């Protein structure tokens, strides 16, 4: 069961990276920041996923 959950998360990772890149491109010029490319948005996304995954696992075990 765990294997299929990991496989199901893969498209979500790429889509969330893509959406982050698109939204960053809209917001960044308004606040004076530079645009990011897709690879950088993938690095930001995996960093956030690694930071949030333990919190989500703990929250899931309590309920």
Protein backbone atom coordinates (compact mmCIF):
# COMPACT_ATOMS: atom_id res chain seq x y z
CA UNK A 1 0.00 0.00 0.00
CA UNK A 2 2.83 2.43 0.81
CA UNK A 3 4.43 1.94 -2.60
CA UNK A 4 1.30 3.11 -4.40
CA UNK A 5 1.07 6.19 -2.18
CA UNK A 6 4.60 7.15 -3.17
CA UNK A 7 3.80 6.58 -6.83
CA UNK A 8 0.67 8.70 -6.49
CA UNK A 9 2.68 11.57 -4.99
CA UNK A 10 5.05 11.85 -7.97
CA UNK A 11 2.67 13.73 -10.30
CA UNK A 12 1.70 15.98 -7.40
CA UNK A 13 5.34 16.90 -6.89
CA UNK A 14 5.84 17.94 -10.49
CA UNK A 15 2.55 19.81 -10.64
CA UNK A 16 3.17 21.66 -7.39
CA UNK A 17 6.64 22.63 -8.65
CA UNK A 18 5.12 23.91 -11.86
CA UNK A 19 2.43 25.90 -10.04
CA UNK A 20 5.04 27.36 -7.69
CA UNK A 21 7.09 28.50 -10.67
CA UNK A 22 4.05 30.09 -12.32
CA UNK A 23 2.87 31.85 -9.17
CA UNK A 24 6.38 33.01 -8.34
CA UNK A 25 6.62 34.55 -11.80
CA UNK A 26 3.47 36.56 -11.14
CA UNK A 27 4.28 37.67 -7.60
CA UNK A 28 8.07 38.18 -7.74
CA UNK A 29 8.15 41.28 -9.98
CA UNK A 30 5.62 43.02 -7.73
CA UNK A 31 7.85 42.63 -4.66
CA UNK A 32 11.14 43.23 -6.48
CA UNK A 33 12.46 39.66 -6.57
CA UNK A 34 13.93 37.75 -9.49
CA UNK A 35 12.10 34.97 -11.31
CA UNK A 36 12.94 31.33 -10.65
CA UNK A 37 13.20 28.50 -13.15
CA UNK A 38 11.60 25.06 -12.97
CA UNK A 39 14.63 23.37 -11.38
CA UNK A 40 14.74 25.94 -8.59
CA UNK A 41 11.03 25.53 -7.98
CA UNK A 42 11.58 21.76 -7.75
CA UNK A 43 14.27 22.33 -5.10
CA UNK A 44 11.97 24.62 -3.12
CA UNK A 45 9.11 22.11 -3.38
CA UNK A 46 11.15 19.11 -2.23
CA UNK A 47 12.53 21.16 0.66
CA UNK A 48 9.01 22.07 1.76
CA UNK A 49 7.82 18.48 1.35
CA UNK A 50 10.71 17.15 3.46
CA UNK A 51 10.01 19.74 6.16
CA UNK A 52 6.24 19.16 6.24
CA UNK A 53 6.11 15.36 5.84
CA UNK A 54 7.08 14.57 9.46
CA UNK A 55 4.47 17.03 10.72
CA UNK A 56 1.81 15.43 8.54
CA UNK A 57 2.81 11.95 9.73
CA UNK A 58 2.55 12.95 13.38
CA UNK A 59 -0.81 14.62 12.80
CA UNK A 60 -2.13 11.53 11.04
CA UNK A 61 -1.11 9.19 13.88
CA UNK A 62 -2.90 11.23 16.54
CA UNK A 63 -6.31 11.03 14.90
